[in-house]
Protein backbone atom coordinates (compact mmCIF):
# COMPACT_ATOMS: atom_id res chain seq x y z
CA MET A 1 5.87 37.40 -6.85
CA SER A 2 5.90 33.63 -6.16
CA THR A 3 6.01 31.41 -9.23
CA LYS A 4 2.94 29.20 -9.42
CA HIS A 5 3.56 25.45 -9.15
CA PRO A 6 1.87 23.46 -11.96
CA ILE A 7 -0.34 20.62 -10.84
CA THR A 8 -2.27 17.99 -12.73
CA VAL A 9 -5.92 17.89 -11.69
CA ALA A 10 -8.50 15.11 -12.41
CA TYR A 11 -12.08 15.70 -11.42
CA GLY A 12 -12.88 12.05 -11.58
CA ASP A 13 -16.33 10.34 -11.46
CA GLY A 14 -19.42 10.29 -9.26
CA ILE A 15 -19.01 12.89 -6.48
CA GLY A 16 -15.48 13.60 -7.77
CA PRO A 17 -16.31 16.82 -9.67
CA GLU A 18 -18.20 18.28 -6.83
CA ILE A 19 -15.60 17.66 -4.12
CA MET A 20 -12.81 18.69 -6.44
CA GLN A 21 -14.43 21.97 -7.24
CA ALA A 22 -14.98 22.65 -3.47
CA THR A 23 -11.27 21.87 -2.75
CA LEU A 24 -10.00 24.10 -5.61
CA ASP A 25 -12.27 26.93 -4.45
CA ILE A 26 -10.73 26.71 -1.04
CA LEU A 27 -7.12 26.60 -2.38
CA ASP A 28 -7.84 29.62 -4.55
CA ALA A 29 -9.29 31.62 -1.67
CA ALA A 30 -6.22 30.64 0.43
CA GLY A 31 -3.86 32.01 -2.17
CA ALA A 32 -2.33 28.69 -3.13
CA GLN A 33 0.36 29.34 -5.81
CA ILE A 34 -0.73 26.64 -8.15
CA SER A 35 -1.57 26.45 -11.91
CA ILE A 36 -3.95 23.63 -13.03
CA GLU A 37 -3.62 21.24 -15.90
CA LYS A 38 -6.93 19.51 -16.14
CA VAL A 39 -7.06 15.93 -17.42
CA ASP A 40 -9.75 13.26 -17.88
CA ILE A 41 -9.53 9.92 -16.23
CA GLY A 42 -11.85 7.19 -15.04
CA GLU A 43 -15.05 5.53 -16.29
CA LYS A 44 -15.46 7.16 -19.62
CA LEU A 45 -11.90 6.47 -20.51
CA TYR A 46 -12.18 2.85 -19.45
CA LEU A 47 -15.32 2.56 -21.60
CA ALA A 48 -13.58 4.28 -24.56
CA GLY A 49 -11.06 1.41 -24.65
CA HIS A 50 -8.25 2.63 -22.30
CA PRO A 51 -7.64 -0.39 -20.06
CA THR A 52 -5.94 1.76 -17.37
CA GLY A 53 -8.66 4.42 -17.35
CA MET A 54 -6.49 7.19 -18.72
CA GLY A 55 -4.83 8.36 -21.91
CA ASP A 56 -1.27 9.37 -22.79
CA ASP A 57 -2.16 13.03 -22.00
CA VAL A 58 -2.12 12.26 -18.34
CA TYR A 59 1.41 10.95 -18.37
CA GLU A 60 2.55 13.95 -20.48
CA SER A 61 0.97 16.32 -17.93
CA LEU A 62 2.56 14.46 -14.95
CA LYS A 63 5.99 14.56 -16.63
CA ARG A 64 5.62 18.38 -16.51
CA THR A 65 3.95 18.87 -13.20
CA LYS A 66 5.06 15.89 -11.21
CA VAL A 67 2.07 16.53 -8.88
CA PHE A 68 -1.33 14.90 -9.25
CA LEU A 69 -4.43 16.03 -7.30
CA LYS A 70 -7.01 13.31 -8.12
CA ALA A 71 -10.73 12.92 -7.22
CA PRO A 72 -12.13 9.40 -6.95
CA ILE A 73 -13.03 7.42 -10.07
CA THR A 74 -15.53 4.59 -11.00
CA THR A 75 -14.03 1.45 -12.52
CA PRO A 76 -16.59 -0.40 -14.69
CA GLN A 77 -17.65 -3.83 -13.58
CA GLY A 78 -16.15 -6.79 -15.37
CA GLY A 79 -12.77 -8.01 -16.35
CA GLY A 80 -10.04 -6.35 -18.37
CA TYR A 81 -9.92 -3.09 -16.42
CA ARG A 82 -6.62 -2.39 -14.59
CA SER A 83 -6.47 -0.35 -11.37
CA LEU A 84 -5.72 3.22 -12.29
CA ASN A 85 -4.16 3.92 -8.96
CA VAL A 86 -1.88 0.90 -9.14
CA THR A 87 -0.86 1.90 -12.63
CA ILE A 88 0.08 5.40 -11.66
CA ARG A 89 2.02 4.32 -8.58
CA THR A 90 4.12 1.83 -10.48
CA LYS A 91 4.55 4.12 -13.59
CA LEU A 92 5.74 7.07 -11.48
CA GLY A 93 7.54 5.00 -8.84
CA LEU A 94 5.24 6.38 -5.98
CA PHE A 95 6.64 3.88 -3.53
CA ALA A 96 5.28 5.47 -0.25
CA ASN A 97 1.66 5.90 0.75
CA ILE A 98 1.10 8.26 3.64
CA ARG A 99 -2.25 8.32 5.44
CA PRO A 100 -2.61 10.56 8.52
CA CYS A 101 -5.47 9.09 10.68
CA VAL A 102 -6.59 11.63 13.26
CA SER A 103 -9.63 11.81 15.54
CA PHE A 104 -11.58 15.02 15.76
CA ALA A 105 -13.46 14.46 18.98
CA PRO A 106 -15.75 15.66 20.31
CA PHE A 107 -16.99 17.07 16.99
CA VAL A 108 -16.86 13.72 15.17
CA LYS A 109 -17.93 10.77 17.22
CA THR A 110 -15.30 8.12 17.84
CA LYS A 111 -14.34 5.47 20.42
CA HIS A 112 -10.73 6.80 20.18
CA PRO A 113 -10.72 10.63 20.85
CA LYS A 114 -6.89 10.71 21.27
CA MET A 115 -5.95 8.91 18.07
CA ASP A 116 -3.24 10.48 15.86
CA VAL A 117 -1.54 7.75 13.82
CA VAL A 118 0.29 8.02 10.47
CA ILE A 119 0.21 4.83 8.31
CA VAL A 120 3.17 4.60 5.95
CA ARG A 121 2.56 1.79 3.46
CA GLU A 122 5.04 0.39 0.96
CA ASN A 123 3.28 0.90 -2.42
CA GLU A 124 4.95 -1.25 -5.17
CA GLU A 125 5.72 -4.72 -3.96
CA ASP A 126 4.22 -7.53 -1.99
CA LEU A 127 1.10 -9.29 -3.37
CA TYR A 128 0.11 -6.07 -5.16
CA THR A 129 2.35 -7.00 -8.05
CA GLY A 130 -0.67 -9.06 -9.03
CA ILE A 131 1.30 -12.02 -10.22
CA GLU A 132 -1.04 -14.93 -10.13
CA TYR A 133 -1.54 -18.24 -11.85
CA GLN A 134 -4.15 -20.97 -12.08
CA GLN A 135 -1.96 -24.00 -11.92
CA THR A 136 -4.64 -26.80 -11.89
CA PRO A 137 -8.43 -26.89 -11.91
CA ASP A 138 -8.27 -26.83 -8.13
CA VAL A 139 -5.46 -24.53 -7.27
CA VAL A 140 -4.47 -20.92 -7.95
CA CYS A 141 -1.28 -19.22 -6.78
CA ALA A 142 -0.17 -15.63 -6.05
CA THR A 143 3.50 -14.53 -5.82
CA LYS A 144 4.58 -12.32 -2.93
CA LEU A 145 7.60 -10.25 -3.69
CA ILE A 146 9.55 -8.28 -1.11
CA SER A 147 12.94 -6.80 -1.96
CA ARG A 148 15.68 -5.50 0.34
CA SER A 149 15.95 -2.34 -1.69
CA GLY A 150 12.17 -1.56 -1.51
CA SER A 151 12.05 -2.34 2.13
CA GLU A 152 15.03 -0.07 2.97
CA ARG A 153 13.43 2.67 0.99
CA ILE A 154 10.09 2.65 2.77
CA CYS A 155 11.53 2.05 6.20
CA ARG A 156 13.92 4.95 5.83
CA PHE A 157 11.11 7.16 4.57
CA ALA A 158 9.00 6.30 7.69
CA PHE A 159 11.88 7.36 9.96
CA GLU A 160 12.50 10.46 7.99
CA TYR A 161 8.85 11.37 8.12
CA ALA A 162 8.87 10.88 11.96
CA ARG A 163 11.93 13.09 12.29
CA ARG A 164 10.54 15.85 10.12
CA PHE A 165 7.21 16.11 11.85
CA GLY A 166 8.46 15.54 15.36
CA ARG A 167 7.00 12.10 15.80
CA LYS A 168 8.48 9.96 18.64
CA LYS A 169 8.06 6.37 17.54
CA VAL A 170 7.95 4.11 14.40
CA THR A 171 6.33 0.74 14.59
CA CYS A 172 6.66 -2.08 12.01
CA PHE A 173 4.04 -4.74 11.38
CA THR A 174 4.89 -8.07 9.67
CA LYS A 175 3.94 -11.73 9.84
CA ASP A 176 7.54 -13.00 9.97
CA ASN A 177 6.70 -15.79 12.38
CA ILE A 178 5.09 -17.52 9.40
CA LEU A 179 6.49 -15.80 6.29
CA LYS A 180 10.09 -16.01 7.57
CA LEU A 181 11.79 -15.04 4.23
CA THR A 182 9.56 -12.27 2.76
CA ASP A 183 8.13 -10.62 5.89
CA GLY A 184 11.31 -11.70 7.67
CA LEU A 185 13.34 -9.56 5.26
CA PHE A 186 11.09 -6.52 5.77
CA HIS A 187 11.45 -6.86 9.56
CA GLN A 188 15.23 -7.35 9.33
CA VAL A 189 15.66 -4.20 7.22
CA PHE A 190 13.45 -2.25 9.58
CA GLU A 191 15.78 -3.17 12.46
CA GLU A 192 18.86 -2.16 10.46
CA ILE A 193 17.39 1.21 9.47
CA ALA A 194 16.10 1.92 13.11
CA GLU A 195 19.72 1.74 14.31
CA GLN A 196 20.48 4.85 12.22
CA TYR A 197 17.77 6.89 13.97
CA SER A 198 18.62 6.64 17.66
CA ASP A 199 16.46 9.75 18.41
CA ILE A 200 13.28 7.86 17.45
CA GLU A 201 11.84 4.87 19.34
CA ASN A 202 11.16 1.82 17.39
CA GLU A 203 9.23 -1.44 17.81
CA HIS A 204 7.85 -4.43 15.87
CA TRP A 205 4.58 -6.25 16.21
CA ILE A 206 3.21 -9.42 14.56
CA VAL A 207 0.55 -8.01 12.32
CA ASP A 208 -2.45 -9.90 13.69
CA ILE A 209 -2.03 -8.84 17.31
CA GLY A 210 -0.65 -5.53 16.20
CA ALA A 211 -3.79 -4.89 14.19
CA ALA A 212 -5.90 -5.74 17.19
CA LYS A 213 -3.92 -3.37 19.36
CA LEU A 214 -4.14 -0.68 16.72
CA ALA A 215 -7.99 -1.06 16.55
CA ASP A 216 -8.36 -1.13 20.31
CA THR A 217 -5.69 1.30 21.56
CA PRO A 218 -4.51 3.40 18.60
CA GLU A 219 -3.10 6.04 20.92
CA ALA A 220 -0.29 3.58 21.64
CA PHE A 221 1.02 4.11 18.05
CA ASP A 222 2.52 7.04 16.29
CA VAL A 223 3.95 6.24 12.84
CA VAL A 224 3.35 2.69 11.53
CA VAL A 225 5.23 1.24 8.55
CA LEU A 226 4.00 -1.82 6.74
CA PRO A 227 4.29 -3.84 3.62
CA ASN A 228 1.70 -3.23 0.87
CA LEU A 229 -1.12 -5.60 1.68
CA TYR A 230 -1.16 -5.11 5.50
CA GLY A 231 -0.78 -1.38 4.91
CA ASP A 232 -3.79 -1.25 2.62
CA ILE A 233 -6.07 -3.00 5.04
CA LEU A 234 -4.90 -1.27 8.18
CA SER A 235 -4.84 2.20 6.72
CA ASP A 236 -8.60 1.79 6.03
CA VAL A 237 -9.21 0.39 9.47
CA SER A 238 -7.28 3.27 11.00
CA ALA A 239 -9.16 5.90 9.00
CA GLN A 240 -12.51 4.41 9.93
CA ILE A 241 -11.93 4.21 13.68
CA THR A 242 -11.09 7.88 13.74
CA GLY A 243 -14.85 8.37 13.26
CA SER A 244 -15.24 8.54 9.49
CA VAL A 245 -13.22 7.19 6.54
CA GLY A 246 -14.60 10.07 4.64
CA LEU A 247 -12.33 12.51 6.40
CA ALA A 248 -9.06 10.93 5.40
CA GLY A 249 -6.67 12.08 2.69
CA SER A 250 -3.59 10.40 1.51
CA ALA A 251 -0.32 11.02 -0.31
CA ASN A 252 1.56 8.83 -2.67
CA ILE A 253 5.19 9.97 -2.87
CA GLY A 254 8.09 9.00 -5.12
CA ALA A 255 11.40 10.49 -6.08
CA LYS A 256 9.99 11.99 -9.24
CA GLY A 257 6.37 12.57 -8.55
CA ALA A 258 3.43 12.54 -6.10
CA MET A 259 -0.33 11.86 -6.13
CA PHE A 260 -2.78 13.20 -3.59
CA GLU A 261 -6.33 11.88 -3.12
CA ALA A 262 -9.11 11.18 -0.71
CA ILE A 263 -9.27 7.50 0.27
CA HIS A 264 -13.01 7.00 -0.32
CA GLY A 265 -14.67 5.97 -3.56
CA SER A 266 -16.66 7.88 -6.17
CA ALA A 267 -20.11 7.15 -4.57
CA PRO A 268 -22.01 7.35 -7.82
CA ARG A 269 -25.41 7.20 -5.99
CA ARG A 270 -24.60 10.57 -4.53
CA ALA A 271 -23.29 12.10 -7.70
CA GLY A 272 -24.79 15.53 -8.69
CA GLN A 273 -26.65 16.00 -5.37
CA ASN A 274 -24.17 18.42 -3.81
CA VAL A 275 -24.18 16.56 -0.55
CA ALA A 276 -20.78 14.81 -0.48
CA ASN A 277 -18.19 15.63 2.15
CA PRO A 278 -15.07 17.11 0.44
CA SER A 279 -12.97 16.81 3.59
CA GLY A 280 -10.83 13.90 2.49
CA LEU A 281 -9.79 15.73 -0.71
CA ILE A 282 -9.29 18.95 1.20
CA LEU A 283 -6.89 17.31 3.67
CA ALA A 284 -5.19 15.63 0.75
CA SER A 285 -4.61 18.97 -0.79
CA VAL A 286 -3.01 20.10 2.50
CA LEU A 287 -0.48 17.29 2.05
CA MET A 288 0.09 18.45 -1.46
CA LEU A 289 0.69 22.06 -0.35
CA MET A 290 3.33 20.72 2.03
CA HIS A 291 4.89 18.69 -0.76
CA ILE A 292 5.26 21.77 -2.98
CA HIS A 293 6.76 23.86 -0.24
CA GLN A 294 3.77 26.10 0.49
CA PRO A 295 3.53 25.44 4.36
CA GLU A 296 1.85 28.85 4.98
CA CYS A 297 -1.07 28.00 2.74
CA ALA A 298 -1.25 24.48 4.04
CA THR A 299 -1.45 25.85 7.64
CA LEU A 300 -4.11 28.43 6.63
CA VAL A 301 -6.33 25.78 4.93
CA HIS A 302 -6.01 23.11 7.59
CA ASN A 303 -6.76 25.45 10.50
CA ALA A 304 -9.80 26.88 8.66
CA TRP A 305 -11.07 23.37 8.13
CA LEU A 306 -10.53 22.44 11.76
CA LYS A 307 -12.38 25.61 12.80
CA THR A 308 -15.23 24.69 10.53
CA MET A 309 -15.48 21.22 12.03
CA GLU A 310 -15.27 22.69 15.54
CA ASP A 311 -18.11 25.11 14.78
CA GLY A 312 -20.38 22.14 13.99
CA VAL A 313 -20.68 22.91 10.25
CA HIS A 314 -21.06 19.34 8.92
CA THR A 315 -22.13 17.53 5.78
CA TYR A 316 -24.82 14.80 6.08
CA ASP A 317 -22.39 11.92 6.51
CA ILE A 318 -21.09 13.10 9.99
CA PHE A 319 -24.04 15.26 11.00
CA ASP A 320 -25.23 14.43 14.50
CA ASP A 321 -27.99 16.39 16.23
CA SER A 322 -26.13 16.17 19.57
CA ILE A 323 -22.94 17.63 18.21
CA SER A 324 -23.47 19.37 14.77
CA LYS A 325 -24.93 22.90 14.48
CA GLU A 326 -25.59 23.17 10.82
CA LYS A 327 -26.03 20.58 7.98
CA VAL A 328 -24.53 21.92 4.80
CA SER A 329 -24.06 20.93 1.22
CA THR A 330 -20.67 20.30 -0.45
CA SER A 331 -20.43 23.75 -1.81
CA SER A 332 -21.64 25.37 1.38
CA PHE A 333 -19.03 23.44 3.41
CA ALA A 334 -16.36 24.94 1.10
CA GLU A 335 -17.88 28.39 1.68
CA ALA A 336 -17.72 27.85 5.39
CA VAL A 337 -14.02 26.86 5.26
CA ILE A 338 -13.26 29.89 3.06
CA LYS A 339 -15.06 32.12 5.57
CA ARG A 340 -12.77 30.92 8.39
CA LEU A 341 -9.48 31.30 6.50
CA GLY A 342 -7.15 33.09 8.99
CA GLN A 343 -8.95 31.58 12.06
CA LYS A 344 -7.69 28.89 14.33
CA PRO A 345 -9.66 26.26 16.28
CA LYS A 346 -9.95 26.58 20.01
CA THR A 347 -10.72 23.02 21.08
CA LEU A 348 -9.01 21.06 18.39
CA ALA A 349 -5.27 21.39 18.18
CA ALA A 350 -4.30 24.10 15.63
CA VAL A 351 -1.47 23.30 13.19
CA ASP A 352 1.60 25.18 12.05
CA TYR A 353 3.43 23.67 9.23
CA THR A 354 5.76 26.62 8.94
CA THR A 355 7.80 25.18 11.80
CA GLN A 356 8.63 22.00 9.89
CA THR A 357 11.94 22.33 8.21
CA GLY A 358 13.44 20.49 5.36
CA GLN A 359 11.71 18.21 2.79
CA GLN A 360 10.68 14.68 3.16
CA SER A 361 13.57 12.48 1.98
CA VAL A 362 12.68 10.22 -0.87
CA ALA A 363 16.20 9.54 -2.03
CA HIS A 364 17.28 5.98 -2.50
CA HIS A 365 20.33 6.39 -0.17
CA GLY A 366 21.93 3.58 -2.04
CA THR A 367 21.30 0.05 -1.12
CA SER A 368 22.94 -2.41 1.31
CA VAL A 369 22.39 -5.40 -0.96
CA LYS A 370 25.85 -7.04 -1.07
CA GLN A 371 27.20 -9.63 -3.42
CA GLN A 372 26.88 -13.09 -1.99
CA GLU A 373 28.02 -16.53 -2.94
CA ARG A 374 24.96 -18.19 -4.47
CA ALA A 375 24.94 -21.99 -5.00
CA LEU A 376 22.20 -24.02 -6.74
CA VAL A 377 21.37 -26.99 -4.46
CA GLY A 378 18.10 -28.29 -5.68
CA VAL A 379 14.65 -27.77 -7.15
CA ASP A 380 11.03 -27.76 -6.17
CA ILE A 381 8.85 -29.21 -8.95
CA TYR A 382 5.18 -28.52 -8.98
CA LEU A 383 3.02 -31.30 -10.44
CA TYR A 384 -0.49 -31.64 -11.59
CA CYS A 385 -1.50 -35.09 -10.29
CA HIS A 386 -4.57 -37.05 -9.21
CA GLU A 387 -2.77 -40.08 -7.99
CA ASP A 388 -2.43 -41.06 -4.27
CA VAL A 389 0.79 -40.13 -2.51
CA GLN A 390 2.40 -43.57 -2.56
CA THR A 391 1.87 -43.99 -6.28
CA LEU A 392 3.45 -40.64 -6.91
CA VAL A 393 6.40 -41.57 -4.74
CA ASP A 394 6.93 -44.72 -6.65
CA HIS A 395 6.93 -42.75 -9.96
CA LEU A 396 9.48 -40.22 -8.59
CA GLN A 397 11.78 -42.77 -7.04
CA GLY A 398 11.84 -44.64 -10.25
CA LEU A 399 13.21 -41.69 -12.29
CA GLN A 400 16.49 -42.38 -14.10
CA GLN A 401 18.67 -39.81 -12.41
CA THR A 402 21.54 -39.85 -9.92
CA GLU A 403 22.18 -36.21 -9.23
CA PHE A 404 19.37 -35.70 -6.66
CA ASP A 405 17.62 -37.16 -3.64
CA LEU A 406 13.85 -36.89 -3.30
CA LYS A 407 13.49 -35.11 0.08
CA LEU A 408 9.96 -33.92 0.46
CA ILE A 409 6.46 -33.90 -1.10
CA THR A 410 3.91 -31.38 0.00
CA ASN A 411 0.22 -30.71 -0.91
CA ARG A 412 -1.22 -27.23 -0.18
CA GLY A 413 1.95 -26.60 1.82
CA VAL A 414 1.40 -29.59 4.05
CA GLU A 415 3.93 -32.37 4.12
CA VAL A 416 2.55 -35.68 2.73
CA TRP A 417 5.88 -37.49 2.31
CA PRO A 418 8.01 -38.81 3.97
CA HIS A 419 5.53 -38.15 6.80
CA HIS A 420 1.84 -38.35 6.01
CA SER A 421 -1.44 -38.06 7.94
CA GLU A 422 -4.49 -39.83 6.63
CA ASP A 423 -6.52 -36.81 7.60
CA THR A 424 -4.60 -34.42 5.19
CA LEU A 425 -6.80 -33.09 2.38
CA CYS A 426 -4.89 -33.55 -0.91
CA VAL A 427 -5.77 -31.58 -4.03
CA ASP A 428 -4.47 -31.87 -7.55
CA GLN A 429 -1.23 -29.91 -7.12
CA PHE A 430 1.86 -31.47 -5.48
CA ARG A 431 5.22 -29.81 -4.72
CA VAL A 432 8.11 -32.23 -4.94
CA ARG A 433 11.56 -31.23 -3.55
CA PHE A 434 14.85 -32.69 -4.91
CA GLU A 435 18.08 -31.73 -3.26
CA ALA A 436 21.39 -32.32 -4.93
CA LYS A 437 23.93 -34.83 -3.63
CA ASN A 438 26.80 -32.69 -4.92
CA PRO A 439 27.22 -29.18 -6.33
CA ILE A 440 25.27 -28.93 -9.53
CA LYS A 441 24.69 -26.75 -12.57
CA GLY A 442 21.40 -25.81 -14.20
CA GLY A 443 21.74 -28.49 -16.79
CA ALA A 444 21.11 -31.17 -14.15
CA ILE A 445 17.75 -29.70 -13.41
CA THR A 446 16.87 -29.71 -17.13
CA ALA A 447 17.74 -33.44 -17.22
CA LEU A 448 15.62 -34.11 -14.16
CA LEU A 449 12.68 -32.32 -15.75
CA THR A 450 13.17 -34.35 -18.88
CA HIS A 451 12.95 -37.61 -16.86
CA CYS A 452 9.71 -36.30 -15.21
CA ILE A 453 8.17 -35.59 -18.65
CA GLU A 454 9.34 -38.90 -20.05
CA ASN A 455 7.63 -40.59 -17.09
CA LYS A 456 4.35 -38.74 -17.92
CA LEU A 457 4.58 -36.42 -14.90
CA ASP A 458 2.70 -33.22 -15.61
CA VAL A 459 5.10 -30.39 -14.56
CA ILE A 460 3.41 -27.15 -13.76
CA LYS A 461 6.39 -24.98 -12.68
CA THR A 462 9.66 -25.16 -10.97
CA GLU A 463 11.46 -23.15 -8.38
CA ASN A 464 15.26 -23.44 -8.03
CA LEU A 465 16.64 -23.81 -4.48
CA TYR A 466 19.70 -21.77 -3.50
CA THR A 467 21.97 -21.17 -0.69
CA PHE A 468 23.45 -17.75 -0.12
CA ASN A 469 26.85 -17.72 1.66
CA GLY A 470 26.16 -21.37 2.52
CA ALA A 471 22.82 -20.71 4.27
CA LYS A 472 19.64 -22.23 2.92
CA SER A 473 17.44 -19.54 1.49
CA TYR A 474 14.14 -21.48 1.03
CA SER A 475 11.42 -22.60 3.35
CA HIS A 476 11.96 -25.89 5.04
CA ILE A 477 8.47 -27.11 4.07
């Protein structure tokens, strides 16, 4: 007898309890070998004073099960509430988000009947670190973090996924024509990893035209790997253009745990009406079954779901008189899927996960970060200042210091000195660049800052400028 795999289950808020029960009923009828640990998360935990929307019992359960099947939750309005999903991803190291985006034409209307794209999104870095500052009354700032280690891990994951599931191509989207260091690093790492997978085609697109191509001709793509923010946006776009964002499930995978969920929200206005479509969570549970090595059950559930869709048994959100045969409730949809367990679709492509060998690689595989000679060569100083540019320059050039040359002043990233346009809008935050005349130590920067303060310059923050192996590693503007 198979040992049942423990899973942590959260019924969530809004429509969550209804679609979770429908999903669990299907898994039970399909013979999924799972044992459930139920936990409470979401709105009532937030309102009870838990800023992340969950108590310590959730972490304790996840330490035991390492698998989380989660219904959508409601985050209360107002400040002070942290994203539960982001908290779980960072706490458990769930670095990869996988979202299959498949069209089910002609049974769900779509402009892209041949779409079958998997979005692989980096989950921990980028602007999603949420590091932000208000620097002046007029200017706020967010910090974008991309690491070589994190980029290697997600790019390798994408190629391993493609190899495991017989995918032919992996595409990378970045904006490295503008963000030459951050997105540039992600692209560079993608190219390095791609060389190790000669059996899989690879390509890179600038994210704006790539997104346009994805929305217009999704059949041109197979697996797409992206940094966090672009991945978040384009995974929703991809899910929507299949015909319904409500049909998409997703997996969040790490080396020591995984979370599976529908991508839609809790829809509190539909709560308790037994009308919600449970498909997103059902398909997320299929991903979960694959993760816990139950491909036979995953195949059974997925094919029964496909047959139900093909038979025109649809919930209200996708019901169409010209296509659908029967409008059903949440629970009735689950019953229809259960009735079709063991059947296969005839028009839609049936699945067979039992042919997939091996497990998705989530190992770190080491890192190619190598020791480099790092030299401190200058500093960018951010100032809160209402003076005109020339007055500021006069102040800066009058500082009592000899270690540095004043090289550049920018405002909102636009150069205002030594070259300046009268049409440039200047706000109350300036970035001033000093570069060293000779090799320096950190103490010289401290002395420079002291001179700034003594001259009544309002320093907001500083950013040291370095070379690595002799090459400048900071933006020229």
